[in-house]
PDB file of N, CA and C in Angstrom:
ATOM      1  N   MET A   1     138.399  70.092 118.955  1.00  0.00           N
ATOM      2  CA  MET A   1     137.754  71.178 119.734  1.00  0.00           C
ATOM      3  C   MET A   1     137.849  70.778 121.222  1.00  0.00           C
ATOM      4  N   LYS A   2     137.926  71.773 122.041  1.00  0.00           N
ATOM      5  CA  LYS A   2     138.074  71.562 123.447  1.00  0.00           C
ATOM      6  C   LYS A   2     136.835  70.808 123.979  1.00  0.00           C
ATOM      7  N   ILE A   3     136.937  70.275 125.158  1.00  0.00           N
ATOM      8  CA  ILE A   3     135.796  69.635 125.809  1.00  0.00           C
ATOM      9  C   ILE A   3     134.642  70.631 125.946  1.00  0.00           C
ATOM     10  N   ALA A   4     133.419  70.152 125.609  1.00  0.00           N
ATOM     11  CA  ALA A   4     132.233  71.090 125.599  1.00  0.00           C
ATOM     12  C   ALA A   4     132.100  71.812 126.930  1.00  0.00           C
ATOM     13  N   ALA A   5     132.423  71.179 128.062  1.00  0.00           N
ATOM     14  CA  ALA A   5     132.254  71.785 129.346  1.00  0.00           C
ATOM     15  C   ALA A   5     133.168  73.019 129.450  1.00  0.00           C
ATOM     16  N   ASP A   6     134.271  73.038 128.758  1.00  0.00           N
ATOM     17  CA  ASP A   6     135.166  74.215 128.701  1.00  0.00           C
ATOM     18  C   ASP A   6     134.704  75.267 127.688  1.00  0.00           C
ATOM     19  N   VAL A   7     134.171  74.802 126.609  1.00  0.00           N
ATOM     20  CA  VAL A   7     133.794  75.662 125.516  1.00  0.00           C
ATOM     21  C   VAL A   7     132.476  76.384 125.711  1.00  0.00           C
ATOM     22  N   ILE A   8     131.584  75.787 126.305  1.00  0.00           N
ATOM     23  CA  ILE A   8     130.220  76.323 126.411  1.00  0.00           C
ATOM     24  C   ILE A   8     130.188  77.681 127.207  1.00  0.00           C
ATOM     25  N   PRO A   9     130.821  77.719 128.416  1.00  0.00           N
ATOM     26  CA  PRO A   9     130.866  78.941 129.107  1.00  0.00           C
ATOM     27  C   PRO A   9     131.506  80.127 128.298  1.00  0.00           C
ATOM     28  N   GLU A  10     132.534  79.760 127.559  1.00  0.00           N
ATOM     29  CA  GLU A  10     133.224  80.732 126.719  1.00  0.00           C
ATOM     30  C   GLU A  10     132.324  81.226 125.604  1.00  0.00           C
ATOM     31  N   PHE A  11     131.575  80.271 124.973  1.00  0.00           N
ATOM     32  CA  PHE A  11     130.568  80.625 124.004  1.00  0.00           C
ATOM     33  C   PHE A  11     129.538  81.489 124.554  1.00  0.00           C
ATOM     34  N   GLU A  12     129.000  81.117 125.703  1.00  0.00           N
ATOM     35  CA  GLU A  12     127.907  81.909 126.294  1.00  0.00           C
ATOM     36  C   GLU A  12     128.364  83.335 126.680  1.00  0.00           C
ATOM     37  N   LYS A  13     129.544  83.536 127.141  1.00  0.00           N
ATOM     38  CA  LYS A  13     130.057  84.794 127.527  1.00  0.00           C
ATOM     39  C   LYS A  13     130.149  85.679 126.278  1.00  0.00           C
ATOM     40  N   LEU A  14     130.726  85.206 125.221  1.00  0.00           N
ATOM     41  CA  LEU A  14     130.877  85.880 123.964  1.00  0.00           C
ATOM     42  C   LEU A  14     129.574  86.210 123.328  1.00  0.00           C
ATOM     43  N   PHE A  15     128.649  85.206 123.363  1.00  0.00           N
ATOM     44  CA  PHE A  15     127.347  85.441 122.691  1.00  0.00           C
ATOM     45  C   PHE A  15     126.552  86.474 123.442  1.00  0.00           C
ATOM     46  N   ARG A  16     126.630  86.473 124.765  1.00  0.00           N
ATOM     47  CA  ARG A  16     125.969  87.543 125.569  1.00  0.00           C
ATOM     48  C   ARG A  16     126.464  88.921 125.194  1.00  0.00           C
ATOM     49  N   GLN A  17     127.795  89.038 125.020  1.00  0.00           N
ATOM     50  CA  GLN A  17     128.366  90.319 124.637  1.00  0.00           C
ATOM     51  C   GLN A  17     127.815  90.846 123.244  1.00  0.00           C
ATOM     52  N   LYS A  18     127.759  89.874 122.351  1.00  0.00           N
ATOM     53  CA  LYS A  18     127.201  90.158 121.002  1.00  0.00           C
ATOM     54  C   LYS A  18     125.772  90.535 120.971  1.00  0.00           C
ATOM     55  N   LEU A  19     124.997  89.820 121.785  1.00  0.00           N
ATOM     56  CA  LEU A  19     123.559  90.148 121.863  1.00  0.00           C
ATOM     57  C   LEU A  19     123.303  91.455 122.490  1.00  0.00           C
ATOM     58  N   GLN A  20     124.099  91.940 123.357  1.00  0.00           N
ATOM     59  CA  GLN A  20     123.964  93.231 124.052  1.00  0.00           C
ATOM     60  C   GLN A  20     124.111  94.383 123.063  1.00  0.00           C
ATOM     61  N   LEU A  21     124.902  94.132 121.973  1.00  0.00           N
ATOM     62  CA  LEU A  21     125.029  95.123 120.870  1.00  0.00           C
ATOM     63  C   LEU A  21     123.670  95.402 120.173  1.00  0.00           C
ATOM     64  N   ASN A  22     122.818  94.386 120.195  1.00  0.00           N
ATOM     65  CA  ASN A  22     121.463  94.612 119.610  1.00  0.00           C
ATOM     66  C   ASN A  22     120.384  94.766 120.647  1.00  0.00           C
ATOM     67  N   ASN A  23     120.811  95.008 121.890  1.00  0.00           N
ATOM     68  CA  ASN A  23     119.817  95.247 122.986  1.00  0.00           C
ATOM     69  C   ASN A  23     119.011  93.993 123.249  1.00  0.00           C
ATOM     70  N   CYS A  24     119.462  92.789 122.961  1.00  0.00           N
ATOM     71  CA  CYS A  24     118.727  91.593 123.197  1.00  0.00           C
ATOM     72  C   CYS A  24     119.112  90.941 124.550  1.00  0.00           C
ATOM     73  N   LYS A  25     118.214  90.258 125.126  1.00  0.00           N
ATOM     74  CA  LYS A  25     118.473  89.568 126.378  1.00  0.00           C
ATOM     75  C   LYS A  25     118.602  88.059 126.187  1.00  0.00           C
ATOM     76  N   LEU A  26     119.482  87.477 126.922  1.00  0.00           N
ATOM     77  CA  LEU A  26     119.736  86.038 126.843  1.00  0.00           C
ATOM     78  C   LEU A  26     119.388  85.448 128.234  1.00  0.00           C
ATOM     79  N   LYS A  27     118.406  84.545 128.297  1.00  0.00           N
ATOM     80  CA  LYS A  27     117.965  83.888 129.506  1.00  0.00           C
ATOM     81  C   LYS A  27     118.337  82.396 129.401  1.00  0.00           C
ATOM     82  N   LYS A  28     119.030  81.867 130.390  1.00  0.00           N
ATOM     83  CA  LYS A  28     119.384  80.508 130.418  1.00  0.00           C
ATOM     84  C   LYS A  28     118.108  79.742 131.029  1.00  0.00           C
ATOM     85  N   LYS A  29     117.681  78.758 130.380  1.00  0.00           N
ATOM     86  CA  LYS A  29     116.525  78.011 130.860  1.00  0.00           C
ATOM     87  C   LYS A  29     116.980  76.884 131.866  1.00  0.00           C
ATOM     88  N   ARG A  30     116.053  76.380 132.585  1.00  0.00           N
ATOM     89  CA  ARG A  30     116.412  75.343 133.588  1.00  0.00           C
ATOM     90  C   ARG A  30     116.923  74.088 132.899  1.00  0.00           C
ATOM     91  N   GLN A  31     116.394  73.758 131.752  1.00  0.00           N
ATOM     92  CA  GLN A  31     116.839  72.587 131.017  1.00  0.00           C
ATOM     93  C   GLN A  31     118.266  72.872 130.399  1.00  0.00           C
ATOM     94  N   GLU A  32     119.142  71.919 130.550  1.00  0.00           N
ATOM     95  CA  GLU A  32     120.518  72.091 130.040  1.00  0.00           C
ATOM     96  C   GLU A  32     120.570  72.411 128.587  1.00  0.00           C
ATOM     97  N   ASN A  33     121.429  73.329 128.252  1.00  0.00           N
ATOM     98  CA  ASN A  33     121.709  73.780 126.929  1.00  0.00           C
ATOM     99  C   ASN A  33     120.510  74.387 126.191  1.00  0.00           C
ATOM    100  N   ASN A  34     119.677  75.068 126.941  1.00  0.00           N
ATOM    101  CA  ASN A  34     118.483  75.720 126.381  1.00  0.00           C
ATOM    102  C   ASN A  34     118.482  77.169 126.863  1.00  0.00           C
ATOM    103  N   TYR A  35     118.317  78.137 125.921  1.00  0.00           N
ATOM    104  CA  TYR A  35     118.328  79.493 126.169  1.00  0.00           C
ATOM    105  C   TYR A  35     117.132  80.092 125.524  1.00  0.00           C
ATOM    106  N   GLU A  36     116.686  81.325 126.044  1.00  0.00           N
ATOM    107  CA  GLU A  36     115.619  82.114 125.454  1.00  0.00           C
ATOM    108  C   GLU A  36     116.308  83.488 125.125  1.00  0.00           C
ATOM    109  N   ILE A  37     116.059  83.931 123.927  1.00  0.00           N
ATOM    110  CA  ILE A  37     116.537  85.225 123.456  1.00  0.00           C
ATOM    111  C   ILE A  37     115.366  86.123 123.214  1.00  0.00           C
ATOM    112  N   ILE A  38     115.360  87.251 123.861  1.00  0.00           N
ATOM    113  CA  ILE A  38     114.203  88.243 123.703  1.00  0.00           C
ATOM    114  C   ILE A  38     114.806  89.575 123.131  1.00  0.00           C
ATOM    115  N   THR A  39     114.119  89.905 122.003  1.00  0.00           N
ATOM    116  CA  THR A  39     114.644  91.132 121.316  1.00  0.00           C
ATOM    117  C   THR A  39     113.896  92.324 121.794  1.00  0.00           C
ATOM    118  N   PRO A  40     114.333  93.592 121.515  1.00  0.00           N
ATOM    119  CA  PRO A  40     113.636  94.739 121.994  1.00  0.00           C
ATOM    120  C   PRO A  40     112.246  94.854 121.426  1.00  0.00           C
ATOM    121  N   ALA A  41     111.999  94.190 120.282  1.00  0.00           N
ATOM    122  CA  ALA A  41     110.652  94.200 119.689  1.00  0.00           C
ATOM    123  C   ALA A  41     109.727  93.128 120.270  1.00  0.00           C
ATOM    124  N   ARG A  42     110.239  92.511 121.375  1.00  0.00           N
ATOM    125  CA  ARG A  42     109.520  91.433 122.119  1.00  0.00           C
ATOM    126  C   ARG A  42     109.396  90.106 121.366  1.00  0.00           C
ATOM    127  N   ASP A  43     110.209  89.919 120.388  1.00  0.00           N
ATOM    128  CA  ASP A  43     110.291  88.649 119.711  1.00  0.00           C
ATOM    129  C   ASP A  43     111.043  87.672 120.647  1.00  0.00           C
ATOM    130  N   VAL A  44     110.605  86.435 120.570  1.00  0.00           N
ATOM    131  CA  VAL A  44     111.319  85.434 121.388  1.00  0.00           C
ATOM    132  C   VAL A  44     111.849  84.261 120.541  1.00  0.00           C
ATOM    133  N   PHE A  45     113.091  83.941 120.746  1.00  0.00           N
ATOM    134  CA  PHE A  45     113.740  82.865 120.016  1.00  0.00           C
ATOM    135  C   PHE A  45     114.229  81.873 121.082  1.00  0.00           C
ATOM    136  N   LEU A  46     114.123  80.604 120.755  1.00  0.00           N
ATOM    137  CA  LEU A  46     114.779  79.504 121.602  1.00  0.00           C
ATOM    138  C   LEU A  46     115.999  79.035 120.935  1.00  0.00           C
ATOM    139  N   MET A  47     117.017  78.950 121.709  1.00  0.00           N
ATOM    140  CA  MET A  47     118.307  78.444 121.190  1.00  0.00           C
ATOM    141  C   MET A  47     118.724  77.157 121.985  1.00  0.00           C
ATOM    142  N   TYR A  48     119.053  76.024 121.370  1.00  0.00           N
ATOM    143  CA  TYR A  48     119.439  74.935 122.096  1.00  0.00           C
ATOM    144  C   TYR A  48     120.373  74.028 121.296  1.00  0.00           C
ATOM    145  N   TRP A  49     120.953  73.073 121.856  1.00  0.00           N
ATOM    146  CA  TRP A  49     121.794  72.103 121.179  1.00  0.00           C
ATOM    147  C   TRP A  49     121.850  70.802 121.949  1.00  0.00           C
ATOM    148  N   CYS A  50     121.975  69.711 121.204  1.00  0.00           N
ATOM    149  CA  CYS A  50     122.191  68.419 121.792  1.00  0.00           C
ATOM    150  C   CYS A  50     123.753  68.108 121.855  1.00  0.00           C
ATOM    151  N   GLU A  51     124.357  68.431 120.741  1.00  0.00           N
ATOM    152  CA  GLU A  51     125.818  68.280 120.693  1.00  0.00           C
ATOM    153  C   GLU A  51     126.402  69.637 120.233  1.00  0.00           C
ATOM    154  N   PHE A  52     127.056  70.318 121.045  1.00  0.00           N
ATOM    155  CA  PHE A  52     127.641  71.602 120.721  1.00  0.00           C
ATOM    156  C   PHE A  52     128.801  71.293 119.742  1.00  0.00           C
ATOM    157  N   PRO A  53     128.913  72.020 118.622  1.00  0.00           N
ATOM    158  CA  PRO A  53     128.355  73.338 118.340  1.00  0.00           C
ATOM    159  C   PRO A  53     127.194  73.311 117.245  1.00  0.00           C
ATOM    160  N   GLU A  54     126.432  72.193 117.152  1.00  0.00           N
ATOM    161  CA  GLU A  54     125.265  72.129 116.305  1.00  0.00           C
ATOM    162  C   GLU A  54     124.123  72.822 117.048  1.00  0.00           C
ATOM    163  N   ILE A  55     124.000  74.166 116.804  1.00  0.00           N
ATOM    164  CA  ILE A  55     123.047  74.911 117.557  1.00  0.00           C
ATOM    165  C   ILE A  55     121.725  75.113 116.732  1.00  0.00           C
ATOM    166  N   ASN A  56     120.666  74.945 117.378  1.00  0.00           N
ATOM    167  CA  ASN A  56     119.367  75.164 116.775  1.00  0.00           C
ATOM    168  C   ASN A  56     118.780  76.496 117.266  1.00  0.00           C
ATOM    169  N   LEU A  57     118.058  77.205 116.413  1.00  0.00           N
ATOM    170  CA  LEU A  57     117.467  78.433 116.780  1.00  0.00           C
ATOM    171  C   LEU A  57     116.000  78.407 116.238  1.00  0.00           C
ATOM    172  N   ILE A  58     115.015  78.668 117.116  1.00  0.00           N
ATOM    173  CA  ILE A  58     113.588  78.525 116.710  1.00  0.00           C
ATOM    174  C   ILE A  58     112.970  79.817 117.153  1.00  0.00           C
ATOM    175  N   TYR A  59     112.183  80.387 116.283  1.00  0.00           N
ATOM    176  CA  TYR A  59     111.365  81.556 116.520  1.00  0.00           C
ATOM    177  C   TYR A  59     110.064  81.147 117.252  1.00  0.00           C
ATOM    178  N   GLN A  60     109.735  81.727 118.268  1.00  0.00           N
ATOM    179  CA  GLN A  60     108.491  81.390 119.017  1.00  0.00           C
ATOM    180  C   GLN A  60     107.422  82.400 118.588  1.00  0.00           C
ATOM    181  N   PRO A  61     106.367  81.941 117.931  1.00  0.00           N
ATOM    182  CA  PRO A  61     105.382  82.826 117.407  1.00  0.00           C
ATOM    183  C   PRO A  61     104.442  83.323 118.555  1.00  0.00           C
ATOM    184  N   ILE A  62     104.919  84.214 119.286  1.00  0.00           N
ATOM    185  CA  ILE A  62     104.106  84.815 120.346  1.00  0.00           C
ATOM    186  C   ILE A  62     103.273  85.969 119.817  1.00  0.00           C
ATOM    187  N   GLY A  63     103.908  86.801 118.930  1.00  0.00           N
ATOM    188  CA  GLY A  63     103.131  87.934 118.357  1.00  0.00           C
ATOM    189  C   GLY A  63     103.168  87.817 116.881  1.00  0.00           C
ATOM    190  N   ILE A  64     103.210  88.949 116.238  1.00  0.00           N
ATOM    191  CA  ILE A  64     103.186  89.041 114.763  1.00  0.00           C
ATOM    192  C   ILE A  64     104.603  89.081 114.307  1.00  0.00           C
ATOM    193  N   ARG A  65     104.905  88.189 113.353  1.00  0.00           N
ATOM    194  CA  ARG A  65     106.302  88.170 112.790  1.00  0.00           C
ATOM    195  C   ARG A  65     106.440  89.341 111.806  1.00  0.00           C
ATOM    196  N   THR A  66     107.340  90.236 112.023  1.00  0.00           N
ATOM    197  CA  THR A  66     107.501  91.473 111.164  1.00  0.00           C
ATOM    198  C   THR A  66     108.809  91.441 110.455  1.00  0.00           C
ATOM    199  N   LYS A  67     109.010  92.488 109.660  1.00  0.00           N
ATOM    200  CA  LYS A  67     110.333  92.565 109.008  1.00  0.00           C
ATOM    201  C   LYS A  67     111.482  92.740 110.003  1.00  0.00           C
ATOM    202  N   GLN A  68     111.164  93.413 111.138  1.00  0.00           N
ATOM    203  CA  GLN A  68     112.122  93.620 112.191  1.00  0.00           C
ATOM    204  C   GLN A  68     112.486  92.296 112.843  1.00  0.00           C
ATOM    205  N   THR A  69     111.574  91.351 112.891  1.00  0.00           N
ATOM    206  CA  THR A  69     111.847  89.988 113.442  1.00  0.00           C
ATOM    207  C   THR A  69     112.898  89.326 112.584  1.00  0.00           C
ATOM    208  N   LEU A  70     112.707  89.457 111.303  1.00  0.00           N
ATOM    209  CA  LEU A  70     113.672  88.843 110.375  1.00  0.00           C
ATOM    210  C   LEU A  70     115.100  89.431 110.503  1.00  0.00           C
ATOM    211  N   VAL A  71     115.173  90.696 110.725  1.00  0.00           N
ATOM    212  CA  VAL A  71     116.394  91.466 110.961  1.00  0.00           C
ATOM    213  C   VAL A  71     117.108  90.927 112.214  1.00  0.00           C
ATOM    214  N   TYR A  72     116.336  90.750 113.295  1.00  0.00           N
ATOM    215  CA  TYR A  72     116.882  90.217 114.569  1.00  0.00           C
ATOM    216  C   TYR A  72     117.296  88.808 114.394  1.00  0.00           C
ATOM    217  N   GLU A  73     116.542  87.952 113.622  1.00  0.00           N
ATOM    218  CA  GLU A  73     116.869  86.556 113.463  1.00  0.00           C
ATOM    219  C   GLU A  73     118.152  86.458 112.766  1.00  0.00           C
ATOM    220  N   LYS A  74     118.311  87.185 111.675  1.00  0.00           N
ATOM    221  CA  LYS A  74     119.565  87.165 110.918  1.00  0.00           C
ATOM    222  C   LYS A  74     120.757  87.591 111.837  1.00  0.00           C
ATOM    223  N   ALA A  75     120.603  88.637 112.632  1.00  0.00           N
ATOM    224  CA  ALA A  75     121.725  89.082 113.476  1.00  0.00           C
ATOM    225  C   ALA A  75     122.005  88.012 114.497  1.00  0.00           C
ATOM    226  N   ILE A  76     121.034  87.403 115.110  1.00  0.00           N
ATOM    227  CA  ILE A  76     121.280  86.334 116.062  1.00  0.00           C
ATOM    228  C   ILE A  76     121.953  85.202 115.449  1.00  0.00           C
ATOM    229  N   ARG A  77     121.621  84.798 114.260  1.00  0.00           N
ATOM    230  CA  ARG A  77     122.257  83.625 113.633  1.00  0.00           C
ATOM    231  C   ARG A  77     123.700  84.122 113.249  1.00  0.00           C
ATOM    232  N   ASP A  78     123.925  85.328 112.894  1.00  0.00           N
ATOM    233  CA  ASP A  78     125.232  85.733 112.568  1.00  0.00           C
ATOM    234  C   ASP A  78     126.091  85.793 113.856  1.00  0.00           C
ATOM    235  N   HIS A  79     125.507  86.190 114.933  1.00  0.00           N
ATOM    236  CA  HIS A  79     126.190  86.212 116.248  1.00  0.00           C
ATOM    237  C   HIS A  79     126.615  84.795 116.699  1.00  0.00           C
ATOM    238  N   ILE A  80     125.698  83.844 116.517  1.00  0.00           N
ATOM    239  CA  ILE A  80     125.989  82.460 116.837  1.00  0.00           C
ATOM    240  C   ILE A  80     127.180  81.985 116.043  1.00  0.00           C
ATOM    241  N   ASN A  81     127.097  82.166 114.720  1.00  0.00           N
ATOM    242  CA  ASN A  81     128.179  81.670 113.835  1.00  0.00           C
ATOM    243  C   ASN A  81     129.442  82.355 114.211  1.00  0.00           C
ATOM    244  N   PHE A  82     129.423  83.612 114.450  1.00  0.00           N
ATOM    245  CA  PHE A  82     130.723  84.338 114.827  1.00  0.00           C
ATOM    246  C   PHE A  82     131.323  83.727 116.085  1.00  0.00           C
ATOM    247  N   CYS A  83     130.453  83.526 117.092  1.00  0.00           N
ATOM    248  CA  CYS A  83     130.964  83.049 118.425  1.00  0.00           C
ATOM    249  C   CYS A  83     131.568  81.639 118.299  1.00  0.00           C
ATOM    250  N   VAL A  84     130.813  80.774 117.549  1.00  0.00           N
ATOM    251  CA  VAL A  84     131.278  79.372 117.422  1.00  0.00           C
ATOM    252  C   VAL A  84     132.599  79.406 116.554  1.00  0.00           C
ATOM    253  N   THR A  85     132.603  80.169 115.513  1.00  0.00           N
ATOM    254  CA  THR A  85     133.874  80.283 114.681  1.00  0.00           C
ATOM    255  C   THR A  85     134.995  80.839 115.477  1.00  0.00           C
ATOM    256  N   SER A  86     134.747  81.810 116.344  1.00  0.00           N
ATOM    257  CA  SER A  86     135.793  82.405 117.125  1.00  0.00           C
ATOM    258  C   SER A  86     136.378  81.391 118.048  1.00  0.00           C
ATOM    259  N   ILE A  87     135.505  80.642 118.763  1.00  0.00           N
ATOM    260  CA  ILE A  87     135.943  79.667 119.708  1.00  0.00           C
ATOM    261  C   ILE A  87     136.625  78.547 119.037  1.00  0.00           C
ATOM    262  N   GLN A  88     136.129  78.085 117.876  1.00  0.00           N
ATOM    263  CA  GLN A  88     136.785  76.984 117.143  1.00  0.00           C
ATOM    264  C   GLN A  88     138.095  77.480 116.631  1.00  0.00           C
ATOM    265  N   GLY A  89     138.187  78.709 116.240  1.00  0.00           N
ATOM    266  CA  GLY A  89     139.463  79.237 115.703  1.00  0.00           C
ATOM    267  C   GLY A  89     140.646  79.096 116.689  1.00  0.00           C
ATOM    268  N   LYS A  90     140.255  79.168 117.958  1.00  0.00           N
ATOM    269  CA  LYS A  90     141.179  79.048 119.032  1.00  0.00           C
ATOM    270  C   LYS A  90     141.648  77.616 119.177  1.00  0.00           C
ATOM    271  N   SER A  91     140.834  76.641 118.772  1.00  0.00           N
ATOM    272  CA  SER A  91     141.172  75.210 118.904  1.00  0.00           C
ATOM    273  C   SER A  91     141.353  74.553 117.581  1.00  0.00           C
ATOM    274  N   HIS A  92     141.307  75.265 116.481  1.00  0.00           N
ATOM    275  CA  HIS A  92     141.665  74.773 115.073  1.00  0.00           C
ATOM    276  C   HIS A  92     140.686  73.696 114.695  1.00  0.00           C
ATOM    277  N   SER A  93     139.380  73.948 114.869  1.00  0.00           N
ATOM    278  CA  SER A  93     138.392  72.996 114.393  1.00  0.00           C
ATOM    279  C   SER A  93     137.606  73.627 113.290  1.00  0.00           C
ATOM    280  N   THR A  94     136.622  72.741 112.788  1.00  0.00           N
ATOM    281  CA  THR A  94     135.808  73.213 111.639  1.00  0.00           C
ATOM    282  C   THR A  94     134.713  74.100 112.142  1.00  0.00           C
ATOM    283  N   VAL A  95     134.072  74.801 111.142  1.00  0.00           N
ATOM    284  CA  VAL A  95     132.998  75.747 111.497  1.00  0.00           C
ATOM    285  C   VAL A  95     131.672  75.019 111.631  1.00  0.00           C
ATOM    286  N   ALA A  96     130.914  75.313 112.592  1.00  0.00           N
ATOM    287  CA  ALA A  96     129.590  74.714 112.846  1.00  0.00           C
ATOM    288  C   ALA A  96     128.527  75.465 112.102  1.00  0.00           C
ATOM    289  N   SER A  97     127.427  74.970 111.899  1.00  0.00           N
ATOM    290  CA  SER A  97     126.343  75.620 111.322  1.00  0.00           C
ATOM    291  C   SER A  97     125.187  75.761 112.269  1.00  0.00           C
ATOM    292  N   VAL A  98     124.392  76.776 112.010  1.00  0.00           N
ATOM    293  CA  VAL A  98     123.214  77.033 112.797  1.00  0.00           C
ATOM    294  C   VAL A  98     121.989  76.480 112.094  1.00  0.00           C
ATOM    295  N   GLU A  99     121.351  75.445 112.640  1.00  0.00           N
ATOM    296  CA  GLU A  99     120.297  74.794 111.895  1.00  0.00           C
ATOM    297  C   GLU A  99     118.999  75.562 112.269  1.00  0.00           C
ATOM    298  N   GLN A 100     118.094  75.681 111.255  1.00  0.00           N
ATOM    299  CA  GLN A 100     116.824  76.389 111.439  1.00  0.00           C
ATOM    300  C   GLN A 100     115.720  75.369 111.516  1.00  0.00           C
ATOM    301  N   GLU A 101     114.898  75.565 112.536  1.00  0.00           N
ATOM    302  CA  GLU A 101     113.631  74.761 112.667  1.00  0.00           C
ATOM    303  C   GLU A 101     112.464  75.718 112.660  1.00  0.00           C
ATOM    304  N   ASN A 102     111.312  75.354 112.075  1.00  0.00           N
ATOM    305  CA  ASN A 102     110.133  76.161 112.111  1.00  0.00           C
ATOM    306  C   ASN A 102     109.010  75.382 112.833  1.00  0.00           C
TER     307      ASN A 102
END
């Protein structure tokens, strides 16, 4: 796989495009490799990684977790997997997984 410094901006751009399809917003946090994803239902997810492409996604229990929250969570995980796979396909590497933490 390409050097992470080259891959991360490419991943971020593609991931932002995918999130826009679901009207979700992606905010880059001050801490390196940390992002906040906000859904139209006001759900908040934190996405981060120590070693790209091993990405973690955590739901932030700000409000009530609904069926819609689960729909958005699945869509976000699918978008992450699609973006990582797409980038890795360009560099002929293996597929990464999105790890879940509660």
